[in-house]
Amino acid sequence: MSINHRELSVFLAIARSGSINAASKAMGMTQPALSRSLKRLENQLGAHLFTRHASGMTLTAFGGALRRHAELVEFESNRVVEELKLLGGAGSGSVRVGLVPSVIGGLFQSALPHVYKASPKIQIRLVEGSGDRMIEAVARGEVDFAVVGRLSMETTPDLVATPIAREEVCVAAGAQHPVFSKAKKVTPKQLRNYVWALPENGNAIWYGFLELFRSAGLEPPVPAISSNSVHALKSIVGHHHHLTMMTRVVFALEEQHGLILPVPGTSWLRELAVVRRTRSNLMPAARLLLRELQKQALYESVVA
């Protein structure tokens, strides 16, 4: 039994948008046409693919199983098109990548010129967010791969994490923060007495923050401010007497100008990892970007 690719596309549009109304706008089709297409597919498979609610539609167990198949078909179809374009010398393609902020300002910026040199017309959709959110984006198929701070050695059966680089993380503060009037090496007990602004919980940096205090037998302080925006955290730290913990590359420019400085004795290295779906082959443009990120990571490790 073969399934019509057009009906699979309709099914995916509904699954991703959560309603026939939203899917019809996304595909430029009428709602009755989408409903008929979905009905044909459900009749062919002999199963209901969605549960209808007042607020929209959610996948049934059958629908969830079909979505995994449909996304694989979609991916392979797109990959064939891109392969043919590259063979024809188009030098183009598209890639969706999820990155934590430090990778955007570090590895990605360094790799980008090499990517454009190899593929001048490449289209990159960059999604920024915390590590746990980027991992979720990979699992849902919203990005081809992600580079995140590694949370642990374990991954789900559908995902694989491969180390790519390490980066320095430290406690940071505005240059006028009273912490810099202390001894050269500030103790966790002293750090606990200050006000903190941190990334949202779930970010790999949280594990370093918790370990900083727990390794000293102390209960970690409760942050006064949490944010998923690095820019917001840097602004708060730069203008107020808050401490934060972040990768050093993120505030490199501020450190260069003496605005935000690392607190001595608080540095540690976190591992960055590439997260991919285990049963998915990357398209040419995604392979190119990943290869250049890996090359740049290797180059920086040799230089360091």
C-alpha atoms as a PDB file:
ATOM      1  CA  MET A   1       0.000   0.000   0.000  1.00  0.00           C
ATOM      2  CA  SER A   2       1.491   3.325  -1.077  1.00  0.00           C
ATOM      3  CA  ILE A   3       0.587   6.651   0.499  1.00  0.00           C
ATOM      4  CA  ASN A   4       0.063   9.776  -1.574  1.00  0.00           C
ATOM      5  CA  HIS A   5       2.843  12.289  -0.849  1.00  0.00           C
ATOM      6  CA  ARG A   6       0.442  15.214  -1.152  1.00  0.00           C
ATOM      7  CA  GLU A   7      -1.769  13.738   1.545  1.00  0.00           C
ATOM      8  CA  LEU A   8       1.288  13.193   3.739  1.00  0.00           C
ATOM      9  CA  SER A   9       2.146  16.888   3.303  1.00  0.00           C
ATOM     10  CA  VAL A  10      -1.385  17.855   4.327  1.00  0.00           C
ATOM     11  CA  PHE A  11      -1.161  15.554   7.353  1.00  0.00           C
ATOM     12  CA  LEU A  12       2.169  17.094   8.422  1.00  0.00           C
ATOM     13  CA  ALA A  13       0.843  20.641   8.004  1.00  0.00           C
ATOM     14  CA  ILE A  14      -2.103  19.865  10.293  1.00  0.00           C
ATOM     15  CA  ALA A  15       0.113  18.074  12.812  1.00  0.00           C
ATOM     16  CA  ARG A  16       2.537  21.000  12.978  1.00  0.00           C
ATOM     17  CA  SER A  17      -0.026  23.789  13.091  1.00  0.00           C
ATOM     18  CA  GLY A  18      -2.558  22.062  15.339  1.00  0.00           C
ATOM     19  CA  SER A  19      -5.662  22.822  13.290  1.00  0.00           C
ATOM     20  CA  ILE A  20      -7.074  22.565   9.773  1.00  0.00           C
ATOM     21  CA  ASN A  21      -7.658  26.317   9.707  1.00  0.00           C
ATOM     22  CA  ALA A  22      -3.994  27.136  10.413  1.00  0.00           C
ATOM     23  CA  ALA A  23      -2.799  24.412   8.023  1.00  0.00           C
ATOM     24  CA  SER A  24      -4.976  25.764   5.208  1.00  0.00           C
ATOM     25  CA  LYS A  25      -3.345  29.178   5.557  1.00  0.00           C
ATOM     26  CA  ALA A  26       0.131  27.661   5.629  1.00  0.00           C
ATOM     27  CA  MET A  27      -0.470  25.542   2.514  1.00  0.00           C
ATOM     28  CA  GLY A  28      -2.663  27.964   0.580  1.00  0.00           C
ATOM     29  CA  MET A  29      -5.480  25.416   0.344  1.00  0.00           C
ATOM     30  CA  THR A  30      -9.117  25.631   1.383  1.00  0.00           C
ATOM     31  CA  GLN A  31     -10.227  23.988   4.601  1.00  0.00           C
ATOM     32  CA  PRO A  32     -12.662  21.634   2.816  1.00  0.00           C
ATOM     33  CA  ALA A  33      -9.856  20.454   0.512  1.00  0.00           C
ATOM     34  CA  LEU A  34      -7.617  19.699   3.499  1.00  0.00           C
ATOM     35  CA  SER A  35     -10.437  17.913   5.314  1.00  0.00           C
ATOM     36  CA  ARG A  36     -11.114  15.715   2.276  1.00  0.00           C
ATOM     37  CA  SER A  37      -7.421  14.900   1.920  1.00  0.00           C
ATOM     38  CA  LEU A  38      -7.133  13.962   5.592  1.00  0.00           C
ATOM     39  CA  LYS A  39     -10.294  11.844   5.380  1.00  0.00           C
ATOM     40  CA  ARG A  40      -8.923   9.914   2.393  1.00  0.00           C
ATOM     41  CA  LEU A  41      -5.693   9.231   4.267  1.00  0.00           C
ATOM     42  CA  GLU A  42      -7.512   8.060   7.406  1.00  0.00           C
ATOM     43  CA  ASN A  43      -9.773   5.795   5.310  1.00  0.00           C
ATOM     44  CA  GLN A  44      -6.776   4.330   3.523  1.00  0.00           C
ATOM     45  CA  LEU A  45      -4.990   3.599   6.797  1.00  0.00           C
ATOM     46  CA  GLY A  46      -8.132   2.544   8.649  1.00  0.00           C
ATOM     47  CA  ALA A  47      -7.304   4.676  11.665  1.00  0.00           C
ATOM     48  CA  HIS A  48      -8.072   8.079  13.144  1.00  0.00           C
ATOM     49  CA  LEU A  49      -4.931  10.260  13.052  1.00  0.00           C
ATOM     50  CA  PHE A  50      -6.174  13.184  15.144  1.00  0.00           C
ATOM     51  CA  THR A  51      -8.315  13.809  18.175  1.00  0.00           C
ATOM     52  CA  ARG A  52     -10.459  16.891  17.712  1.00  0.00           C
ATOM     53  CA  HIS A  53     -10.751  19.409  20.555  1.00  0.00           C
ATOM     54  CA  ALA A  54     -12.414  22.782  20.857  1.00  0.00           C
ATOM     55  CA  SER A  55      -8.963  24.405  20.787  1.00  0.00           C
ATOM     56  CA  GLY A  56      -7.579  22.367  17.883  1.00  0.00           C
ATOM     57  CA  MET A  57      -6.341  18.891  16.984  1.00  0.00           C
ATOM     58  CA  THR A  58      -3.801  16.561  18.581  1.00  0.00           C
ATOM     59  CA  LEU A  59      -2.227  13.400  17.210  1.00  0.00           C
ATOM     60  CA  THR A  60      -3.494   9.975  18.210  1.00  0.00           C
ATOM     61  CA  ALA A  61      -1.007   7.139  18.737  1.00  0.00           C
ATOM     62  CA  PHE A  62      -1.503   6.196  15.065  1.00  0.00           C
ATOM     63  CA  GLY A  63      -0.936   9.807  14.072  1.00  0.00           C
ATOM     64  CA  GLY A  64       2.265  10.004  16.097  1.00  0.00           C
ATOM     65  CA  ALA A  65       3.620   6.907  14.371  1.00  0.00           C
ATOM     66  CA  LEU A  66       2.691   8.269  10.946  1.00  0.00           C
ATOM     67  CA  ARG A  67       4.296  11.644  11.681  1.00  0.00           C
ATOM     68  CA  ARG A  68       7.684  10.007  12.200  1.00  0.00           C
ATOM     69  CA  HIS A  69       7.334   8.229   8.865  1.00  0.00           C
ATOM     70  CA  ALA A  70       6.038  11.345   7.083  1.00  0.00           C
ATOM     71  CA  GLU A  71       8.892  13.518   8.344  1.00  0.00           C
ATOM     72  CA  LEU A  72      11.417  10.931   7.164  1.00  0.00           C
ATOM     73  CA  VAL A  73       9.801  10.902   3.711  1.00  0.00           C
ATOM     74  CA  GLU A  74       9.827  14.720   3.661  1.00  0.00           C
ATOM     75  CA  PHE A  75      13.453  14.836   4.735  1.00  0.00           C
ATOM     76  CA  GLU A  76      14.602  12.301   2.137  1.00  0.00           C
ATOM     77  CA  SER A  77      12.692  14.104  -0.620  1.00  0.00           C
ATOM     78  CA  ASN A  78      14.344  17.402   0.286  1.00  0.00           C
ATOM     79  CA  ARG A  79      17.732  15.711   0.496  1.00  0.00           C
ATOM     80  CA  VAL A  80      17.400  14.322  -3.043  1.00  0.00           C
ATOM     81  CA  VAL A  81      16.517  17.781  -4.375  1.00  0.00           C
ATOM     82  CA  GLU A  82      19.521  19.351  -2.646  1.00  0.00           C
ATOM     83  CA  GLU A  83      21.862  16.596  -3.836  1.00  0.00           C
ATOM     84  CA  LEU A  84      20.774  17.207  -7.411  1.00  0.00           C
ATOM     85  CA  LYS A  85      21.226  20.970  -7.019  1.00  0.00           C
ATOM     86  CA  LEU A  86      24.746  20.501  -5.715  1.00  0.00           C
ATOM     87  CA  LEU A  87      25.564  18.106  -8.552  1.00  0.00           C
ATOM     88  CA  GLY A  88      24.312  20.769 -10.950  1.00  0.00           C
ATOM     89  CA  GLY A  89      26.707  23.294  -9.438  1.00  0.00           C
ATOM     90  CA  ALA A  90      24.073  25.421  -7.750  1.00  0.00           C
ATOM     91  CA  GLY A  91      26.119  25.610  -4.558  1.00  0.00           C
ATOM     92  CA  SER A  92      22.969  26.142  -2.542  1.00  0.00           C
ATOM     93  CA  GLY A  93      20.886  24.385   0.043  1.00  0.00           C
ATOM     94  CA  SER A  94      19.245  25.071   3.377  1.00  0.00           C
ATOM     95  CA  VAL A  95      20.017  24.034   6.930  1.00  0.00           C
ATOM     96  CA  ARG A  96      18.204  24.543  10.221  1.00  0.00           C
ATOM     97  CA  VAL A  97      20.494  24.622  13.224  1.00  0.00           C
ATOM     98  CA  GLY A  98      19.900  25.172  16.928  1.00  0.00           C
ATOM     99  CA  LEU A  99      22.674  26.863  18.895  1.00  0.00           C
ATOM    100  CA  VAL A 100      23.244  28.075  22.422  1.00  0.00           C
ATOM    101  CA  PRO A 101      24.362  31.750  22.542  1.00  0.00           C
ATOM    102  CA  SER A 102      28.052  31.048  23.203  1.00  0.00           C
ATOM    103  CA  VAL A 103      28.322  28.910  20.060  1.00  0.00           C
ATOM    104  CA  ILE A 104      26.802  31.683  17.940  1.00  0.00           C
ATOM    105  CA  GLY A 105      29.470  34.136  19.071  1.00  0.00           C
ATOM    106  CA  GLY A 106      32.246  31.542  18.900  1.00  0.00           C
ATOM    107  CA  LEU A 107      32.338  28.485  16.642  1.00  0.00           C
ATOM    108  CA  PHE A 108      29.523  29.586  14.341  1.00  0.00           C
ATOM    109  CA  GLN A 109      31.014  33.013  13.604  1.00  0.00           C
ATOM    110  CA  SER A 110      34.395  31.438  12.907  1.00  0.00           C
ATOM    111  CA  ALA A 111      32.978  28.726  10.649  1.00  0.00           C
ATOM    112  CA  LEU A 112      30.615  30.966   8.662  1.00  0.00           C
ATOM    113  CA  PRO A 113      33.149  32.391   6.135  1.00  0.00           C
ATOM    114  CA  HIS A 114      34.257  28.855   5.243  1.00  0.00           C
ATOM    115  CA  VAL A 115      30.645  27.754   4.794  1.00  0.00           C
ATOM    116  CA  TYR A 116      29.917  30.616   2.395  1.00  0.00           C
ATOM    117  CA  LYS A 117      33.090  29.945   0.474  1.00  0.00           C
ATOM    118  CA  ALA A 118      32.011  26.346  -0.127  1.00  0.00           C
ATOM    119  CA  SER A 119      28.343  27.156  -0.744  1.00  0.00           C
ATOM    120  CA  PRO A 120      27.724  30.865  -1.551  1.00  0.00           C
ATOM    121  CA  LYS A 121      23.956  30.486  -1.818  1.00  0.00           C
ATOM    122  CA  ILE A 122      23.392  28.434   1.298  1.00  0.00           C
ATOM    123  CA  GLN A 123      20.419  29.416   3.451  1.00  0.00           C
ATOM    124  CA  ILE A 124      20.858  29.024   7.207  1.00  0.00           C
ATOM    125  CA  ARG A 125      17.952  29.172   9.633  1.00  0.00           C
ATOM    126  CA  LEU A 126      19.500  29.730  13.033  1.00  0.00           C
ATOM    127  CA  VAL A 127      17.452  29.085  16.159  1.00  0.00           C
ATOM    128  CA  GLU A 128      18.904  30.339  19.452  1.00  0.00           C
ATOM    129  CA  GLY A 129      17.933  29.034  22.843  1.00  0.00           C
ATOM    130  CA  SER A 130      18.916  27.165  25.983  1.00  0.00           C
ATOM    131  CA  GLY A 131      20.378  23.695  25.674  1.00  0.00           C
ATOM    132  CA  ASP A 132      17.280  21.806  26.793  1.00  0.00           C
ATOM    133  CA  ARG A 133      15.084  23.720  24.346  1.00  0.00           C
ATOM    134  CA  MET A 134      17.472  23.089  21.466  1.00  0.00           C
ATOM    135  CA  ILE A 135      17.503  19.369  22.277  1.00  0.00           C
ATOM    136  CA  GLU A 136      13.701  19.395  22.178  1.00  0.00           C
ATOM    137  CA  ALA A 137      13.858  21.172  18.808  1.00  0.00           C
ATOM    138  CA  VAL A 138      16.070  18.384  17.438  1.00  0.00           C
ATOM    139  CA  ALA A 139      13.727  15.703  18.781  1.00  0.00           C
ATOM    140  CA  ARG A 140      10.712  17.400  17.156  1.00  0.00           C
ATOM    141  CA  GLY A 141      12.497  17.798  13.826  1.00  0.00           C
ATOM    142  CA  GLU A 142      12.442  21.593  13.992  1.00  0.00           C
ATOM    143  CA  VAL A 143      16.216  21.776  13.418  1.00  0.00           C
ATOM    144  CA  ASP A 144      18.594  19.411  11.625  1.00  0.00           C
ATOM    145  CA  PHE A 145      21.063  19.399  14.494  1.00  0.00           C
ATOM    146  CA  ALA A 146      22.034  21.477  17.510  1.00  0.00           C
ATOM    147  CA  VAL A 147      25.210  22.398  19.356  1.00  0.00           C
ATOM    148  CA  VAL A 148      24.583  22.691  23.080  1.00  0.00           C
ATOM    149  CA  GLY A 149      26.288  22.519  26.433  1.00  0.00           C
ATOM    150  CA  ARG A 150      26.268  18.842  27.277  1.00  0.00           C
ATOM    151  CA  LEU A 151      23.933  18.121  30.185  1.00  0.00           C
ATOM    152  CA  SER A 152      24.939  14.484  30.741  1.00  0.00           C
ATOM    153  CA  MET A 153      26.337  11.457  28.970  1.00  0.00           C
ATOM    154  CA  GLU A 154      22.849  10.025  28.451  1.00  0.00           C
ATOM    155  CA  THR A 155      20.502  10.731  25.541  1.00  0.00           C
ATOM    156  CA  THR A 156      17.164   9.306  24.468  1.00  0.00           C
ATOM    157  CA  PRO A 157      17.185   6.406  21.978  1.00  0.00           C
ATOM    158  CA  ASP A 158      16.136   8.819  19.214  1.00  0.00           C
ATOM    159  CA  LEU A 159      19.033  11.224  19.796  1.00  0.00           C
ATOM    160  CA  VAL A 160      22.804  10.981  19.841  1.00  0.00           C
ATOM    161  CA  ALA A 161      25.220  13.526  21.361  1.00  0.00           C
ATOM    162  CA  THR A 162      28.790  13.790  20.086  1.00  0.00           C
ATOM    163  CA  PRO A 163      31.408  15.996  21.806  1.00  0.00           C
ATOM    164  CA  ILE A 164      32.725  18.793  19.601  1.00  0.00           C
ATOM    165  CA  ALA A 165      34.548  21.326  21.824  1.00  0.00           C
ATOM    166  CA  ARG A 166      35.013  22.781  25.293  1.00  0.00           C
ATOM    167  CA  GLU A 167      34.530  26.323  26.471  1.00  0.00           C
ATOM    168  CA  GLU A 168      35.351  28.274  29.610  1.00  0.00           C
ATOM    169  CA  VAL A 169      32.551  29.167  32.002  1.00  0.00           C
ATOM    170  CA  CYS A 170      32.970  31.453  35.005  1.00  0.00           C
ATOM    171  CA  VAL A 171      31.233  33.697  37.479  1.00  0.00           C
ATOM    172  CA  ALA A 172      31.094  37.221  36.066  1.00  0.00           C
ATOM    173  CA  ALA A 173      30.217  40.648  37.434  1.00  0.00           C
ATOM    174  CA  GLY A 174      30.228  44.307  36.509  1.00  0.00           C
ATOM    175  CA  ALA A 175      33.634  45.904  36.917  1.00  0.00           C
ATOM    176  CA  GLN A 176      32.419  47.969  39.910  1.00  0.00           C
ATOM    177  CA  HIS A 177      30.968  44.994  41.772  1.00  0.00           C
ATOM    178  CA  PRO A 178      32.184  44.767  45.406  1.00  0.00           C
ATOM    179  CA  VAL A 179      33.285  41.164  44.809  1.00  0.00           C
ATOM    180  CA  PHE A 180      36.444  42.543  43.201  1.00  0.00           C
ATOM    181  CA  SER A 181      37.427  44.258  46.450  1.00  0.00           C
ATOM    182  CA  LYS A 182      37.841  40.850  48.095  1.00  0.00           C
ATOM    183  CA  ALA A 183      40.879  38.603  48.025  1.00  0.00           C
ATOM    184  CA  LYS A 184      42.130  37.348  44.689  1.00  0.00           C
ATOM    185  CA  LYS A 185      40.261  34.064  45.087  1.00  0.00           C
ATOM    186  CA  VAL A 186      36.718  34.491  46.348  1.00  0.00           C
ATOM    187  CA  THR A 187      35.216  31.565  48.264  1.00  0.00           C
ATOM    188  CA  PRO A 188      31.806  30.017  47.513  1.00  0.00           C
ATOM    189  CA  LYS A 189      30.695  31.113  50.990  1.00  0.00           C
ATOM    190  CA  GLN A 190      31.401  34.739  50.046  1.00  0.00           C
ATOM    191  CA  LEU A 191      29.743  34.360  46.621  1.00  0.00           C
ATOM    192  CA  ARG A 192      26.620  33.010  48.277  1.00  0.00           C
ATOM    193  CA  ASN A 193      26.015  36.383  49.973  1.00  0.00           C
ATOM    194  CA  TYR A 194      25.580  38.289  46.698  1.00  0.00           C
ATOM    195  CA  VAL A 195      22.539  38.749  44.465  1.00  0.00           C
ATOM    196  CA  TRP A 196      22.487  36.502  41.385  1.00  0.00           C
ATOM    197  CA  ALA A 197      21.018  36.699  37.869  1.00  0.00           C
ATOM    198  CA  LEU A 198      21.206  33.424  35.934  1.00  0.00           C
ATOM    199  CA  PRO A 199      20.043  31.707  32.750  1.00  0.00           C
ATOM    200  CA  GLU A 200      16.825  29.748  33.114  1.00  0.00           C
ATOM    201  CA  ASN A 201      17.061  26.385  34.844  1.00  0.00           C
ATOM    202  CA  GLY A 202      17.727  23.591  32.358  1.00  0.00           C
ATOM    203  CA  ASN A 203      20.714  25.316  30.864  1.00  0.00           C
ATOM    204  CA  ALA A 204      23.968  23.341  31.279  1.00  0.00           C
ATOM    205  CA  ILE A 205      25.463  26.311  33.136  1.00  0.00           C
ATOM    206  CA  TRP A 206      23.055  25.601  36.013  1.00  0.00           C
ATOM    207  CA  TYR A 207      24.918  22.377  36.737  1.00  0.00           C
ATOM    208  CA  GLY A 208      28.150  24.309  37.197  1.00  0.00           C
ATOM    209  CA  PHE A 209      26.381  26.873  39.364  1.00  0.00           C
ATOM    210  CA  LEU A 210      24.940  24.190  41.634  1.00  0.00           C
ATOM    211  CA  GLU A 211      28.241  22.311  41.809  1.00  0.00           C
ATOM    212  CA  LEU A 212      30.128  25.474  42.786  1.00  0.00           C
ATOM    213  CA  PHE A 213      28.231  25.631  46.072  1.00  0.00           C
ATOM    214  CA  ARG A 214      27.396  21.989  46.746  1.00  0.00           C
ATOM    215  CA  SER A 215      31.044  20.949  46.397  1.00  0.00           C
ATOM    216  CA  ALA A 216      31.711  23.362  49.276  1.00  0.00           C
ATOM    217  CA  GLY A 217      28.889  21.880  51.341  1.00  0.00           C
ATOM    218  CA  LEU A 218      26.650  24.909  50.800  1.00  0.00           C
ATOM    219  CA  GLU A 219      23.078  25.272  49.626  1.00  0.00           C
ATOM    220  CA  PRO A 220      23.111  27.285  46.346  1.00  0.00           C
ATOM    221  CA  PRO A 221      21.513  30.752  46.558  1.00  0.00           C
ATOM    222  CA  VAL A 222      18.194  31.380  44.845  1.00  0.00           C
ATOM    223  CA  PRO A 223      18.696  33.716  41.848  1.00  0.00           C
ATOM    224  CA  ALA A 224      16.871  37.019  42.102  1.00  0.00           C
ATOM    225  CA  ILE A 225      16.527  37.116  38.307  1.00  0.00           C
ATOM    226  CA  SER A 226      16.442  34.369  35.683  1.00  0.00           C
ATOM    227  CA  SER A 227      16.273  34.933  31.945  1.00  0.00           C
ATOM    228  CA  ASN A 228      16.683  33.048  28.675  1.00  0.00           C
ATOM    229  CA  SER A 229      18.269  36.180  27.172  1.00  0.00           C
ATOM    230  CA  VAL A 230      22.048  36.551  27.370  1.00  0.00           C
ATOM    231  CA  HIS A 231      21.731  40.208  26.387  1.00  0.00           C
ATOM    232  CA  ALA A 232      19.364  40.835  29.289  1.00  0.00           C
ATOM    233  CA  LEU A 233      21.720  39.126  31.741  1.00  0.00           C
ATOM    234  CA  LYS A 234      24.721  41.119  30.511  1.00  0.00           C
ATOM    235  CA  SER A 235      22.766  44.358  30.822  1.00  0.00           C
ATOM    236  CA  ILE A 236      21.689  43.527  34.385  1.00  0.00           C
ATOM    237  CA  VAL A 237      25.185  42.483  35.444  1.00  0.00           C
ATOM    238  CA  GLY A 238      26.782  45.481  33.778  1.00  0.00           C
ATOM    239  CA  HIS A 239      24.514  48.022  35.448  1.00  0.00           C
ATOM    240  CA  HIS A 240      23.679  46.444  38.803  1.00  0.00           C
ATOM    241  CA  HIS A 241      25.465  44.553  41.558  1.00  0.00           C
ATOM    242  CA  HIS A 242      24.391  41.094  40.382  1.00  0.00           C
ATOM    243  CA  LEU A 243      26.610  38.084  39.839  1.00  0.00           C
ATOM    244  CA  THR A 244      26.021  35.686  36.968  1.00  0.00           C
ATOM    245  CA  MET A 245      27.600  32.585  35.506  1.00  0.00           C
ATOM    246  CA  MET A 246      28.144  32.394  31.758  1.00  0.00           C
ATOM    247  CA  THR A 247      30.581  31.285  29.104  1.00  0.00           C
ATOM    248  CA  ARG A 248      33.469  33.697  28.827  1.00  0.00           C
ATOM    249  CA  VAL A 249      33.160  34.096  25.055  1.00  0.00           C
ATOM    250  CA  VAL A 250      29.681  35.570  25.558  1.00  0.00           C
ATOM    251  CA  PHE A 251      31.005  38.632  27.394  1.00  0.00           C
ATOM    252  CA  ALA A 252      34.385  38.822  25.600  1.00  0.00           C
ATOM    253  CA  LEU A 253      33.644  42.287  24.164  1.00  0.00           C
ATOM    254  CA  GLU A 254      32.505  43.651  27.525  1.00  0.00           C
ATOM    255  CA  GLU A 255      35.583  42.168  29.180  1.00  0.00           C
ATOM    256  CA  GLN A 256      37.803  43.752  26.547  1.00  0.00           C
ATOM    257  CA  HIS A 257      36.359  47.163  27.432  1.00  0.00           C
ATOM    258  CA  GLY A 258      36.504  46.556  31.188  1.00  0.00           C
ATOM    259  CA  LEU A 259      32.731  46.488  31.685  1.00  0.00           C
ATOM    260  CA  ILE A 260      32.122  42.898  32.791  1.00  0.00           C
ATOM    261  CA  LEU A 261      34.936  40.828  34.288  1.00  0.00           C
ATOM    262  CA  PRO A 262      35.456  37.195  35.322  1.00  0.00           C
ATOM    263  CA  VAL A 263      35.626  36.540  39.052  1.00  0.00           C
ATOM    264  CA  PRO A 264      39.023  34.949  39.806  1.00  0.00           C
ATOM    265  CA  GLY A 265      39.069  31.296  40.789  1.00  0.00           C
ATOM    266  CA  THR A 266      35.593  30.439  39.462  1.00  0.00           C
ATOM    267  CA  SER A 267      36.379  29.116  35.971  1.00  0.00           C
ATOM    268  CA  TRP A 268      35.493  25.630  34.719  1.00  0.00           C
ATOM    269  CA  LEU A 269      35.234  23.943  31.330  1.00  0.00           C
ATOM    270  CA  ARG A 270      31.963  22.711  29.915  1.00  0.00           C
ATOM    271  CA  GLU A 271      31.702  20.310  27.032  1.00  0.00           C
ATOM    272  CA  LEU A 272      29.818  21.245  23.890  1.00  0.00           C
ATOM    273  CA  ALA A 273      28.092  18.482  21.978  1.00  0.00           C
ATOM    274  CA  VAL A 274      26.380  18.087  18.615  1.00  0.00           C
ATOM    275  CA  VAL A 275      22.908  16.596  19.064  1.00  0.00           C
ATOM    276  CA  ARG A 276      21.289  14.775  16.128  1.00  0.00           C
ATOM    277  CA  ARG A 277      18.464  12.349  15.523  1.00  0.00           C
ATOM    278  CA  THR A 278      19.807   8.806  15.282  1.00  0.00           C
ATOM    279  CA  ARG A 279      17.609   7.756  12.375  1.00  0.00           C
ATOM    280  CA  SER A 280      18.074  10.813  10.197  1.00  0.00           C
ATOM    281  CA  ASN A 281      20.674  11.539   7.539  1.00  0.00           C
ATOM    282  CA  LEU A 282      21.764  15.161   7.268  1.00  0.00           C
ATOM    283  CA  MET A 283      21.208  16.953   3.996  1.00  0.00           C
ATOM    284  CA  PRO A 284      24.255  18.327   2.138  1.00  0.00           C
ATOM    285  CA  ALA A 285      23.939  21.881   3.471  1.00  0.00           C
ATOM    286  CA  ALA A 286      23.620  20.610   7.060  1.00  0.00           C
ATOM    287  CA  ARG A 287      26.604  18.298   6.566  1.00  0.00           C
ATOM    288  CA  LEU A 288      28.635  21.236   5.251  1.00  0.00           C
ATOM    289  CA  LEU A 289      27.838  23.458   8.234  1.00  0.00           C
ATOM    290  CA  LEU A 290      28.523  20.675  10.715  1.00  0.00           C
ATOM    291  CA  ARG A 291      31.815  19.820   9.029  1.00  0.00           C
ATOM    292  CA  GLU A 292      33.009  23.428   9.193  1.00  0.00           C
ATOM    293  CA  LEU A 293      31.969  23.714  12.849  1.00  0.00           C
ATOM    294  CA  GLN A 294      33.982  20.578  13.613  1.00  0.00           C
ATOM    295  CA  LYS A 295      36.996  21.883  11.677  1.00  0.00           C
ATOM    296  CA  GLN A 296      36.893  25.177  13.547  1.00  0.00           C
ATOM    297  CA  ALA A 297      36.580  23.405  16.889  1.00  0.00           C
ATOM    298  CA  LEU A 298      39.616  21.277  16.060  1.00  0.00           C
ATOM    299  CA  TYR A 299      41.599  24.337  14.930  1.00  0.00           C
ATOM    300  CA  GLU A 300      40.798  26.258  18.111  1.00  0.00           C
ATOM    301  CA  SER A 301      41.744  23.307  20.317  1.00  0.00           C
ATOM    302  CA  VAL A 302      45.135  23.037  18.556  1.00  0.00           C
ATOM    303  CA  VAL A 303      45.777  26.790  18.830  1.00  0.00           C
ATOM    304  CA  ALA A 304      44.820  26.779  22.509  1.00  0.00           C
END
